[in-house]
Amino acid sequence: MEKLTKVTKLNHKLVAGHQAEESAVRLLLSKGYRILDRNVRYKMGELDIIATDGPVLCFIEVRSRHNQKHSDPKASVRVDKQTKLIRAATLYLKKKYGQKMPRCRFDVVGVTGYGVMQKLELIKRAFELRVEPRRRTGNPWQAY
């Protein structure tokens, strides 16, 4: 019986996550973004939404919570998650753009609640591409 409960919880999370991403896409389109890719998966992580906002390539992380009792969705993008996103974005850029790297940034869409009670918040430049690579790693991304 316990296995059934775990599967049900997992399915609920998957459905809720998919609904949050759909809401985020609608929000981004209403703000003038152009969606290029969704759910791009690599070993080191997944990029939820890749879009352009004018000339800027944006990697958008969607974070959802049923309510704000647990934590603010955007606050859940901690440094370890940022690092995974940075690595996945770097691989995406190498594969799609090679040496000609576009202007990039990371945005976060926080989704709280469901249905008509859903609240969405877009945070532009949650973290972004630095002009000079860090000396230790040579990685041009900076996690805040």
Protein backbone atom coordinates (compact mmCIF):
# COMPACT_ATOMS: atom_id res chain seq x y z
CA MET A 1 0.00 0.00 0.00
CA GLU A 2 2.86 2.37 0.74
CA LYS A 3 4.23 2.02 -2.81
CA LEU A 4 0.89 3.18 -4.20
CA THR A 5 1.05 6.29 -2.00
CA LYS A 6 4.56 7.12 -3.24
CA VAL A 7 3.49 6.73 -6.88
CA THR A 8 0.42 8.90 -6.29
CA LYS A 9 2.53 11.62 -4.68
CA LEU A 10 5.03 11.45 -7.53
CA ASN A 11 2.26 11.71 -10.14
CA HIS A 12 0.76 14.67 -8.27
CA LYS A 13 4.14 16.44 -8.28
CA LEU A 14 4.63 15.76 -11.98
CA VAL A 15 1.17 17.07 -12.86
CA ALA A 16 1.60 20.13 -10.62
CA GLY A 17 5.03 20.82 -12.13
CA HIS A 18 3.67 20.52 -15.66
CA GLN A 19 0.80 22.89 -14.86
CA ALA A 20 3.22 25.39 -13.32
CA GLU A 21 5.41 25.27 -16.45
CA GLU A 22 2.38 25.79 -18.69
CA SER A 23 1.37 28.83 -16.61
CA ALA A 24 4.94 30.14 -16.77
CA VAL A 25 4.99 29.79 -20.57
CA ARG A 26 1.72 31.76 -20.84
CA LEU A 27 3.18 34.47 -18.59
CA LEU A 28 6.40 34.66 -20.61
CA LEU A 29 4.52 34.85 -23.93
CA SER A 30 2.35 37.66 -22.55
CA LYS A 31 5.57 39.54 -21.63
CA GLY A 32 6.92 39.21 -25.18
CA TYR A 33 9.32 36.28 -24.72
CA ARG A 34 9.79 33.84 -27.60
CA ILE A 35 9.98 30.22 -26.46
CA LEU A 36 12.79 28.25 -28.13
CA ASP A 37 13.02 25.01 -26.11
CA ARG A 38 11.45 23.32 -23.09
CA ASN A 39 12.62 20.61 -20.72
CA VAL A 40 16.12 20.26 -22.14
CA ARG A 41 17.76 17.46 -20.14
CA TYR A 42 21.43 16.76 -19.54
CA LYS A 43 23.12 14.51 -16.99
CA MET A 44 23.89 17.49 -14.76
CA GLY A 45 20.40 18.99 -14.84
CA GLU A 46 17.37 20.16 -16.74
CA LEU A 47 16.61 23.53 -18.27
CA ASP A 48 12.87 24.15 -17.88
CA ILE A 49 12.40 26.85 -20.51
CA ILE A 50 14.79 28.47 -22.96
CA ALA A 51 13.50 31.65 -24.56
CA THR A 52 14.54 35.00 -25.95
CA ASP A 53 13.57 38.34 -24.46
CA GLY A 54 14.47 40.68 -27.29
CA PRO A 55 18.14 40.01 -28.12
CA VAL A 56 18.85 38.17 -24.84
CA LEU A 57 18.80 34.38 -24.52
CA CYS A 58 17.09 33.44 -21.26
CA PHE A 59 17.25 30.23 -19.28
CA ILE A 60 14.09 30.19 -17.17
CA GLU A 61 13.74 28.04 -14.08
CA VAL A 62 10.15 27.40 -12.95
CA ARG A 63 9.65 26.81 -9.24
CA SER A 64 6.26 26.00 -7.78
CA ARG A 65 4.76 25.57 -4.34
CA HIS A 66 1.24 24.60 -3.33
CA ASN A 67 1.26 27.46 -0.83
CA GLN A 68 3.78 29.78 0.78
CA LYS A 69 3.86 27.88 4.09
CA HIS A 70 6.73 25.69 2.88
CA SER A 71 8.86 28.45 1.34
CA ASP A 72 8.85 31.01 -1.37
CA PRO A 73 9.28 29.21 -4.73
CA LYS A 74 11.94 31.60 -6.02
CA ALA A 75 13.94 31.25 -2.78
CA SER A 76 14.28 27.53 -3.50
CA VAL A 77 16.77 28.23 -6.32
CA ARG A 78 19.78 27.90 -4.06
CA VAL A 79 23.43 27.95 -5.08
CA ASP A 80 23.58 24.18 -5.68
CA LYS A 81 20.60 24.39 -8.05
CA GLN A 82 22.09 27.45 -9.73
CA THR A 83 25.33 25.54 -10.29
CA LYS A 84 23.45 22.69 -12.00
CA LEU A 85 21.57 25.16 -14.18
CA ILE A 86 24.80 26.93 -15.07
CA ARG A 87 26.43 23.67 -16.13
CA ALA A 88 23.43 22.63 -18.22
CA ALA A 89 23.22 26.09 -19.82
CA THR A 90 26.93 26.04 -20.64
CA LEU A 91 26.53 22.71 -22.41
CA TYR A 92 23.44 23.98 -24.27
CA LEU A 93 25.35 27.08 -25.42
CA LYS A 94 28.31 25.03 -26.63
CA LYS A 95 26.06 22.67 -28.60
CA LYS A 96 23.80 25.35 -30.10
CA TYR A 97 26.10 28.35 -30.48
CA GLY A 98 29.69 27.10 -30.45
CA GLN A 99 32.13 29.98 -30.05
CA LYS A 100 29.61 32.72 -30.88
CA MET A 101 27.96 33.14 -27.49
CA PRO A 102 24.84 35.32 -27.28
CA ARG A 103 23.97 37.63 -24.39
CA CYS A 104 22.40 35.42 -21.74
CA ARG A 105 20.73 35.54 -18.38
CA PHE A 106 18.80 33.40 -15.94
CA ASP A 107 15.24 34.25 -14.99
CA VAL A 108 13.05 32.52 -12.44
CA VAL A 109 9.27 32.17 -12.51
CA GLY A 110 7.82 31.52 -9.06
CA VAL A 111 4.40 29.86 -9.09
CA THR A 112 2.33 29.65 -5.92
CA GLY A 113 -1.05 27.91 -5.69
CA TYR A 114 -3.25 26.33 -8.34
CA GLY A 115 -6.01 27.34 -10.75
CA VAL A 116 -7.66 30.73 -10.29
CA MET A 117 -5.77 31.26 -7.02
CA GLN A 118 -2.40 30.85 -8.73
CA LYS A 119 0.14 33.65 -8.38
CA LEU A 120 3.05 34.03 -10.77
CA GLU A 121 6.14 36.17 -10.33
CA LEU A 122 8.83 36.71 -12.95
CA ILE A 123 12.29 37.56 -11.65
CA LYS A 124 14.55 38.73 -14.43
CA ARG A 125 18.32 38.43 -14.00
CA ALA A 126 18.15 36.05 -11.05
CA PHE A 127 21.79 35.47 -12.04
CA GLU A 128 23.55 36.17 -15.33
CA LEU A 129 26.61 35.80 -17.52
CA ARG A 130 29.67 37.68 -16.29
CA VAL A 131 31.91 39.50 -18.72
CA GLU A 132 35.11 37.81 -17.49
CA PRO A 133 35.47 34.17 -16.47
CA ARG A 134 36.33 33.39 -12.87
CA ARG A 135 40.02 32.56 -12.53
CA ARG A 136 39.66 29.23 -10.73
CA THR A 137 37.16 27.52 -13.02
CA GLY A 138 37.16 29.56 -16.20
CA ASN A 139 33.36 29.47 -16.01
CA PRO A 140 31.81 32.79 -17.11
CA TRP A 141 28.62 32.25 -15.06
CA GLN A 142 28.15 33.59 -11.58
CA ALA A 143 25.79 32.04 -9.04
CA TYR A 144 24.50 34.50 -6.44
